[in-house]
Amino acid sequence: MRLSLLSVVALLLIAPQVVRADDTDDFLKPDNWEGRTDIWKLDPKTKTVIGETMEDPKYNTFFCSKKKYSDFELSFKVQLRDAVGNSGAQIRSERTDKNDPANKQPFKVRGPQVDVGKGYWGSLYGEGVGGMMKASSADAIKKAVKETEFNEYSIVAKGTKITIKINGETMVDQDFPTLPGKDAKDAPKDGIIAFQAHAGYPKMRVEFKDIKFKDLGKK
């Protein structure tokens, strides 16, 4: 039987579409996260992570996933209350405090970080691995960011390519095969995801809400 072009199109339209569900619920399970309980709170029902310091922690500390991820899509809305403080989302990173027997700086992390904060919004920074990887332009920050309000981030990591958008404006979009610094080590292919509470502020509050996650590396 020969089908007309219109018939084929009609069949395609009524055929059930297979849409892969995202992995947000699994990503935000409380048993997938660890961090200082005096700073971090996770509400998986509202898909919200809040970090609040009541005094300077004296070092950058993080709310860390236990699972490692390679390729993924991560989005959220984030606000620094009153535009005070600095934060970010570590990607393909690792905890370094596990090598500290005295545990003086728990939940310390190194690796690529998608930055949140004045002058650095949307930049890709190498936390503990050599400094800035790619800075957002001042013009892009001015155009995209509302510093006292919630700003919507989109982060896509596929292979060596990292794409970062804020409120739809592209801040970073390029390949990062190596980390910064003199050693120029290969960039990690996978690692934990972690949210940052930055040192240097007597008080700060960061809220990540409407978190969505899709694990593109899951087989």
C-alpha atoms as a PDB file:
ATOM      1  CA  MET A   1       0.000   0.000   0.000  1.00  0.00           C
ATOM      2  CA  ARG A   2       1.359   3.398  -0.963  1.00  0.00           C
ATOM      3  CA  LEU A   3       0.749   6.300   1.396  1.00  0.00           C
ATOM      4  CA  SER A   4       0.483   9.877   0.294  1.00  0.00           C
ATOM      5  CA  LEU A   5       2.780  12.488   1.812  1.00  0.00           C
ATOM      6  CA  LEU A   6      -0.134  13.935   3.770  1.00  0.00           C
ATOM      7  CA  SER A   7      -0.917  10.494   5.197  1.00  0.00           C
ATOM      8  CA  VAL A   8       2.668  10.013   6.353  1.00  0.00           C
ATOM      9  CA  VAL A   9       2.687  13.431   8.029  1.00  0.00           C
ATOM     10  CA  ALA A  10      -0.627  12.648   9.751  1.00  0.00           C
ATOM     11  CA  LEU A  11       0.725   9.356  11.088  1.00  0.00           C
ATOM     12  CA  LEU A  12       3.807  11.078  12.479  1.00  0.00           C
ATOM     13  CA  LEU A  13       1.676  13.672  14.238  1.00  0.00           C
ATOM     14  CA  ILE A  14      -0.528  11.131  15.989  1.00  0.00           C
ATOM     15  CA  ALA A  15       2.284   8.701  16.848  1.00  0.00           C
ATOM     16  CA  PRO A  16       3.210   8.767  20.557  1.00  0.00           C
ATOM     17  CA  GLN A  17       6.247  10.909  21.196  1.00  0.00           C
ATOM     18  CA  VAL A  18       8.916   9.521  23.506  1.00  0.00           C
ATOM     19  CA  VAL A  19      10.056  12.354  25.766  1.00  0.00           C
ATOM     20  CA  ARG A  20      12.773  11.611  28.268  1.00  0.00           C
ATOM     21  CA  ALA A  21      11.881  12.807  31.737  1.00  0.00           C
ATOM     22  CA  ASP A  22      14.430  14.977  33.481  1.00  0.00           C
ATOM     23  CA  ASP A  23      16.492  13.812  36.456  1.00  0.00           C
ATOM     24  CA  THR A  24      15.676  16.609  38.885  1.00  0.00           C
ATOM     25  CA  ASP A  25      14.007  14.486  41.565  1.00  0.00           C
ATOM     26  CA  ASP A  26      16.924  12.054  41.702  1.00  0.00           C
ATOM     27  CA  PHE A  27      19.428  14.925  41.612  1.00  0.00           C
ATOM     28  CA  LEU A  28      17.785  16.700  44.566  1.00  0.00           C
ATOM     29  CA  LYS A  29      17.287  13.686  46.811  1.00  0.00           C
ATOM     30  CA  PRO A  30      18.513  14.699  50.279  1.00  0.00           C
ATOM     31  CA  ASP A  31      20.772  11.644  50.497  1.00  0.00           C
ATOM     32  CA  ASN A  32      22.636  12.918  47.406  1.00  0.00           C
ATOM     33  CA  TRP A  33      23.789  16.060  49.219  1.00  0.00           C
ATOM     34  CA  GLU A  34      26.164  16.989  52.028  1.00  0.00           C
ATOM     35  CA  GLY A  35      27.393  20.256  53.469  1.00  0.00           C
ATOM     36  CA  ARG A  36      27.543  22.338  56.621  1.00  0.00           C
ATOM     37  CA  THR A  37      24.112  22.066  58.215  1.00  0.00           C
ATOM     38  CA  ASP A  38      24.527  25.484  59.864  1.00  0.00           C
ATOM     39  CA  ILE A  39      24.678  27.068  56.406  1.00  0.00           C
ATOM     40  CA  TRP A  40      22.724  24.947  53.914  1.00  0.00           C
ATOM     41  CA  LYS A  41      19.112  23.865  53.565  1.00  0.00           C
ATOM     42  CA  LEU A  42      17.608  21.757  50.786  1.00  0.00           C
ATOM     43  CA  ASP A  43      13.891  21.509  50.047  1.00  0.00           C
ATOM     44  CA  PRO A  44      13.398  18.910  47.296  1.00  0.00           C
ATOM     45  CA  LYS A  45       9.649  19.592  47.135  1.00  0.00           C
ATOM     46  CA  THR A  46      10.134  23.211  46.086  1.00  0.00           C
ATOM     47  CA  LYS A  47      13.433  22.410  44.328  1.00  0.00           C
ATOM     48  CA  THR A  48      15.252  25.010  46.398  1.00  0.00           C
ATOM     49  CA  VAL A  49      18.698  25.233  47.976  1.00  0.00           C
ATOM     50  CA  ILE A  50      19.437  28.062  50.424  1.00  0.00           C
ATOM     51  CA  GLY A  51      22.821  28.986  51.841  1.00  0.00           C
ATOM     52  CA  GLU A  52      23.022  31.548  54.639  1.00  0.00           C
ATOM     53  CA  THR A  53      25.972  32.573  56.775  1.00  0.00           C
ATOM     54  CA  MET A  54      25.559  34.462  60.039  1.00  0.00           C
ATOM     55  CA  GLU A  55      29.294  35.118  60.280  1.00  0.00           C
ATOM     56  CA  ASP A  56      32.264  34.894  57.948  1.00  0.00           C
ATOM     57  CA  PRO A  57      33.118  31.184  57.496  1.00  0.00           C
ATOM     58  CA  LYS A  58      36.738  32.249  56.753  1.00  0.00           C
ATOM     59  CA  TYR A  59      36.931  29.905  53.756  1.00  0.00           C
ATOM     60  CA  ASN A  60      34.766  29.037  50.764  1.00  0.00           C
ATOM     61  CA  THR A  61      32.511  26.156  51.725  1.00  0.00           C
ATOM     62  CA  PHE A  62      30.084  24.196  49.554  1.00  0.00           C
ATOM     63  CA  PHE A  63      26.889  22.158  49.440  1.00  0.00           C
ATOM     64  CA  CYS A  64      28.052  19.101  47.514  1.00  0.00           C
ATOM     65  CA  SER A  65      26.408  16.360  45.516  1.00  0.00           C
ATOM     66  CA  LYS A  66      27.637  12.886  46.391  1.00  0.00           C
ATOM     67  CA  LYS A  67      27.178  11.635  42.849  1.00  0.00           C
ATOM     68  CA  LYS A  68      29.493  12.615  40.020  1.00  0.00           C
ATOM     69  CA  TYR A  69      28.172  13.879  36.701  1.00  0.00           C
ATOM     70  CA  SER A  70      29.761  14.256  33.275  1.00  0.00           C
ATOM     71  CA  ASP A  71      27.481  15.763  30.605  1.00  0.00           C
ATOM     72  CA  PHE A  72      24.366  17.533  31.888  1.00  0.00           C
ATOM     73  CA  GLU A  73      21.934  20.419  31.669  1.00  0.00           C
ATOM     74  CA  LEU A  74      21.369  22.428  34.863  1.00  0.00           C
ATOM     75  CA  SER A  75      19.122  25.449  35.294  1.00  0.00           C
ATOM     76  CA  PHE A  76      17.979  27.492  38.275  1.00  0.00           C
ATOM     77  CA  LYS A  77      16.998  30.972  39.402  1.00  0.00           C
ATOM     78  CA  VAL A  78      19.428  32.495  41.873  1.00  0.00           C
ATOM     79  CA  GLN A  79      19.403  35.545  44.118  1.00  0.00           C
ATOM     80  CA  LEU A  80      21.982  37.100  46.398  1.00  0.00           C
ATOM     81  CA  ARG A  81      19.922  38.895  49.026  1.00  0.00           C
ATOM     82  CA  ASP A  82      20.478  42.658  48.741  1.00  0.00           C
ATOM     83  CA  ALA A  83      23.204  41.869  46.170  1.00  0.00           C
ATOM     84  CA  VAL A  84      25.553  41.034  49.047  1.00  0.00           C
ATOM     85  CA  GLY A  85      28.063  38.204  48.801  1.00  0.00           C
ATOM     86  CA  ASN A  86      29.339  35.822  46.175  1.00  0.00           C
ATOM     87  CA  SER A  87      28.347  32.310  45.227  1.00  0.00           C
ATOM     88  CA  GLY A  88      28.353  29.921  42.318  1.00  0.00           C
ATOM     89  CA  ALA A  89      27.781  26.399  41.048  1.00  0.00           C
ATOM     90  CA  GLN A  90      30.751  24.078  40.840  1.00  0.00           C
ATOM     91  CA  ILE A  91      30.678  21.613  37.944  1.00  0.00           C
ATOM     92  CA  ARG A  92      32.827  18.495  37.395  1.00  0.00           C
ATOM     93  CA  SER A  93      34.596  19.280  40.658  1.00  0.00           C
ATOM     94  CA  GLU A  94      36.063  17.406  43.627  1.00  0.00           C
ATOM     95  CA  ARG A  95      36.148  17.793  47.386  1.00  0.00           C
ATOM     96  CA  THR A  96      39.574  18.519  48.823  1.00  0.00           C
ATOM     97  CA  ASP A  97      38.724  18.595  52.519  1.00  0.00           C
ATOM     98  CA  LYS A  98      38.783  14.792  52.703  1.00  0.00           C
ATOM     99  CA  ASN A  99      42.578  15.064  52.765  1.00  0.00           C
ATOM    100  CA  ASP A 100      42.424  17.279  55.882  1.00  0.00           C
ATOM    101  CA  PRO A 101      42.698  15.028  58.979  1.00  0.00           C
ATOM    102  CA  ALA A 102      41.801  17.909  61.331  1.00  0.00           C
ATOM    103  CA  ASN A 103      38.717  18.751  59.226  1.00  0.00           C
ATOM    104  CA  LYS A 104      39.277  22.474  59.791  1.00  0.00           C
ATOM    105  CA  GLN A 105      37.650  23.452  56.488  1.00  0.00           C
ATOM    106  CA  PRO A 106      34.835  20.952  55.825  1.00  0.00           C
ATOM    107  CA  PHE A 107      33.263  20.729  52.378  1.00  0.00           C
ATOM    108  CA  LYS A 108      35.988  22.549  50.503  1.00  0.00           C
ATOM    109  CA  VAL A 109      35.969  22.065  46.718  1.00  0.00           C
ATOM    110  CA  ARG A 110      38.094  22.689  43.651  1.00  0.00           C
ATOM    111  CA  GLY A 111      37.242  22.704  39.959  1.00  0.00           C
ATOM    112  CA  PRO A 112      35.325  24.782  37.400  1.00  0.00           C
ATOM    113  CA  GLN A 113      32.759  27.161  38.905  1.00  0.00           C
ATOM    114  CA  VAL A 114      29.911  29.062  37.252  1.00  0.00           C
ATOM    115  CA  ASP A 115      30.140  32.322  39.180  1.00  0.00           C
ATOM    116  CA  VAL A 116      27.380  34.312  40.881  1.00  0.00           C
ATOM    117  CA  GLY A 117      28.281  37.767  42.151  1.00  0.00           C
ATOM    118  CA  LYS A 118      29.060  41.379  41.345  1.00  0.00           C
ATOM    119  CA  GLY A 119      31.474  41.705  38.434  1.00  0.00           C
ATOM    120  CA  TYR A 120      31.633  37.940  37.903  1.00  0.00           C
ATOM    121  CA  TRP A 121      28.089  36.929  36.957  1.00  0.00           C
ATOM    122  CA  GLY A 122      28.154  33.994  34.551  1.00  0.00           C
ATOM    123  CA  SER A 123      31.947  33.719  34.395  1.00  0.00           C
ATOM    124  CA  LEU A 124      33.659  30.317  34.488  1.00  0.00           C
ATOM    125  CA  TYR A 125      36.205  30.381  37.304  1.00  0.00           C
ATOM    126  CA  GLY A 126      38.742  27.733  38.294  1.00  0.00           C
ATOM    127  CA  GLU A 127      38.156  27.389  42.052  1.00  0.00           C
ATOM    128  CA  GLY A 128      41.456  26.265  43.543  1.00  0.00           C
ATOM    129  CA  VAL A 129      42.874  25.320  40.134  1.00  0.00           C
ATOM    130  CA  GLY A 130      44.456  28.448  38.702  1.00  0.00           C
ATOM    131  CA  GLY A 131      41.896  31.222  38.527  1.00  0.00           C
ATOM    132  CA  MET A 132      39.661  32.589  35.786  1.00  0.00           C
ATOM    133  CA  MET A 133      38.853  30.286  32.869  1.00  0.00           C
ATOM    134  CA  LYS A 134      36.554  32.676  30.987  1.00  0.00           C
ATOM    135  CA  ALA A 135      35.237  36.004  32.268  1.00  0.00           C
ATOM    136  CA  SER A 136      31.846  37.335  31.255  1.00  0.00           C
ATOM    137  CA  SER A 137      32.090  40.677  29.508  1.00  0.00           C
ATOM    138  CA  ALA A 138      31.019  43.779  31.413  1.00  0.00           C
ATOM    139  CA  ASP A 139      28.561  44.577  28.639  1.00  0.00           C
ATOM    140  CA  ALA A 140      26.924  41.128  28.848  1.00  0.00           C
ATOM    141  CA  ILE A 141      26.611  41.399  32.646  1.00  0.00           C
ATOM    142  CA  LYS A 142      25.063  44.865  32.392  1.00  0.00           C
ATOM    143  CA  LYS A 143      22.613  43.687  29.744  1.00  0.00           C
ATOM    144  CA  ALA A 144      21.558  40.412  31.407  1.00  0.00           C
ATOM    145  CA  VAL A 145      21.782  40.748  35.180  1.00  0.00           C
ATOM    146  CA  LYS A 146      19.456  42.309  37.748  1.00  0.00           C
ATOM    147  CA  GLU A 147      21.710  42.214  40.785  1.00  0.00           C
ATOM    148  CA  THR A 148      19.086  42.409  43.552  1.00  0.00           C
ATOM    149  CA  GLU A 149      16.581  40.072  41.870  1.00  0.00           C
ATOM    150  CA  PHE A 150      16.424  36.433  40.846  1.00  0.00           C
ATOM    151  CA  ASN A 151      18.399  35.693  37.686  1.00  0.00           C
ATOM    152  CA  GLU A 152      17.845  32.564  35.614  1.00  0.00           C
ATOM    153  CA  TYR A 153      20.927  30.494  34.846  1.00  0.00           C
ATOM    154  CA  SER A 154      21.273  27.796  32.199  1.00  0.00           C
ATOM    155  CA  ILE A 155      24.399  25.621  32.240  1.00  0.00           C
ATOM    156  CA  VAL A 156      25.103  22.969  29.609  1.00  0.00           C
ATOM    157  CA  ALA A 157      28.188  20.748  29.750  1.00  0.00           C
ATOM    158  CA  LYS A 158      28.785  18.459  26.761  1.00  0.00           C
ATOM    159  CA  GLY A 159      32.224  17.031  26.275  1.00  0.00           C
ATOM    160  CA  THR A 160      34.717  19.871  26.629  1.00  0.00           C
ATOM    161  CA  LYS A 161      32.158  22.534  25.718  1.00  0.00           C
ATOM    162  CA  ILE A 162      30.556  24.636  28.457  1.00  0.00           C
ATOM    163  CA  THR A 163      27.667  27.012  27.726  1.00  0.00           C
ATOM    164  CA  ILE A 164      26.428  29.465  30.355  1.00  0.00           C
ATOM    165  CA  LYS A 165      23.431  31.748  29.911  1.00  0.00           C
ATOM    166  CA  ILE A 166      21.819  34.275  32.253  1.00  0.00           C
ATOM    167  CA  ASN A 167      18.260  35.340  31.505  1.00  0.00           C
ATOM    168  CA  GLY A 168      18.749  34.063  27.959  1.00  0.00           C
ATOM    169  CA  GLU A 169      21.955  36.026  27.363  1.00  0.00           C
ATOM    170  CA  THR A 170      25.002  33.912  26.476  1.00  0.00           C
ATOM    171  CA  MET A 171      27.888  34.638  28.850  1.00  0.00           C
ATOM    172  CA  VAL A 172      30.246  31.750  28.015  1.00  0.00           C
ATOM    173  CA  ASP A 173      30.141  29.329  25.092  1.00  0.00           C
ATOM    174  CA  GLN A 174      33.357  27.545  24.238  1.00  0.00           C
ATOM    175  CA  ASP A 175      35.528  24.454  24.684  1.00  0.00           C
ATOM    176  CA  PHE A 176      37.660  24.030  27.801  1.00  0.00           C
ATOM    177  CA  PRO A 177      39.976  21.066  27.228  1.00  0.00           C
ATOM    178  CA  THR A 178      42.371  22.163  30.008  1.00  0.00           C
ATOM    179  CA  LEU A 179      42.271  23.924  33.351  1.00  0.00           C
ATOM    180  CA  PRO A 180      44.005  27.293  33.847  1.00  0.00           C
ATOM    181  CA  GLY A 181      47.392  27.667  35.476  1.00  0.00           C
ATOM    182  CA  LYS A 182      50.976  26.738  34.752  1.00  0.00           C
ATOM    183  CA  ASP A 183      50.348  23.003  34.691  1.00  0.00           C
ATOM    184  CA  ALA A 184      47.502  23.260  32.126  1.00  0.00           C
ATOM    185  CA  LYS A 185      46.097  19.952  33.277  1.00  0.00           C
ATOM    186  CA  ASP A 186      43.277  18.301  31.350  1.00  0.00           C
ATOM    187  CA  ALA A 187      39.878  19.556  32.448  1.00  0.00           C
ATOM    188  CA  PRO A 188      37.927  16.917  34.401  1.00  0.00           C
ATOM    189  CA  LYS A 189      35.438  14.878  32.402  1.00  0.00           C
ATOM    190  CA  ASP A 190      33.174  14.375  35.406  1.00  0.00           C
ATOM    191  CA  GLY A 191      32.832  15.322  39.053  1.00  0.00           C
ATOM    192  CA  ILE A 192      30.462  16.597  41.689  1.00  0.00           C
ATOM    193  CA  ILE A 193      28.160  19.610  41.458  1.00  0.00           C
ATOM    194  CA  ALA A 194      28.258  21.999  44.405  1.00  0.00           C
ATOM    195  CA  PHE A 195      26.812  25.347  45.477  1.00  0.00           C
ATOM    196  CA  GLN A 196      29.085  27.923  47.122  1.00  0.00           C
ATOM    197  CA  ALA A 197      28.984  30.093  50.227  1.00  0.00           C
ATOM    198  CA  HIS A 198      31.892  32.525  49.849  1.00  0.00           C
ATOM    199  CA  ALA A 199      34.198  33.736  52.596  1.00  0.00           C
ATOM    200  CA  GLY A 200      34.717  37.403  53.387  1.00  0.00           C
ATOM    201  CA  TYR A 201      31.177  38.490  54.257  1.00  0.00           C
ATOM    202  CA  PRO A 202      29.850  38.853  57.830  1.00  0.00           C
ATOM    203  CA  LYS A 203      26.442  37.746  56.537  1.00  0.00           C
ATOM    204  CA  MET A 204      25.150  36.611  53.176  1.00  0.00           C
ATOM    205  CA  ARG A 205      22.210  34.636  51.824  1.00  0.00           C
ATOM    206  CA  VAL A 206      21.988  32.924  48.457  1.00  0.00           C
ATOM    207  CA  GLU A 207      18.895  31.125  47.191  1.00  0.00           C
ATOM    208  CA  PHE A 208      18.774  28.732  44.254  1.00  0.00           C
ATOM    209  CA  LYS A 209      15.185  27.925  43.272  1.00  0.00           C
ATOM    210  CA  ASP A 210      13.303  26.186  40.448  1.00  0.00           C
ATOM    211  CA  ILE A 211      16.286  23.866  40.032  1.00  0.00           C
ATOM    212  CA  LYS A 212      16.075  21.562  37.024  1.00  0.00           C
ATOM    213  CA  PHE A 213      18.598  18.911  36.056  1.00  0.00           C
ATOM    214  CA  LYS A 214      19.054  16.507  33.185  1.00  0.00           C
ATOM    215  CA  ASP A 215      21.836  13.926  33.244  1.00  0.00           C
ATOM    216  CA  LEU A 216      23.023  13.700  29.637  1.00  0.00           C
ATOM    217  CA  GLY A 217      25.734  11.197  30.537  1.00  0.00           C
ATOM    218  CA  LYS A 218      23.351   8.631  31.991  1.00  0.00           C
ATOM    219  CA  LYS A 219      23.282   5.407  30.006  1.00  0.00           C
END
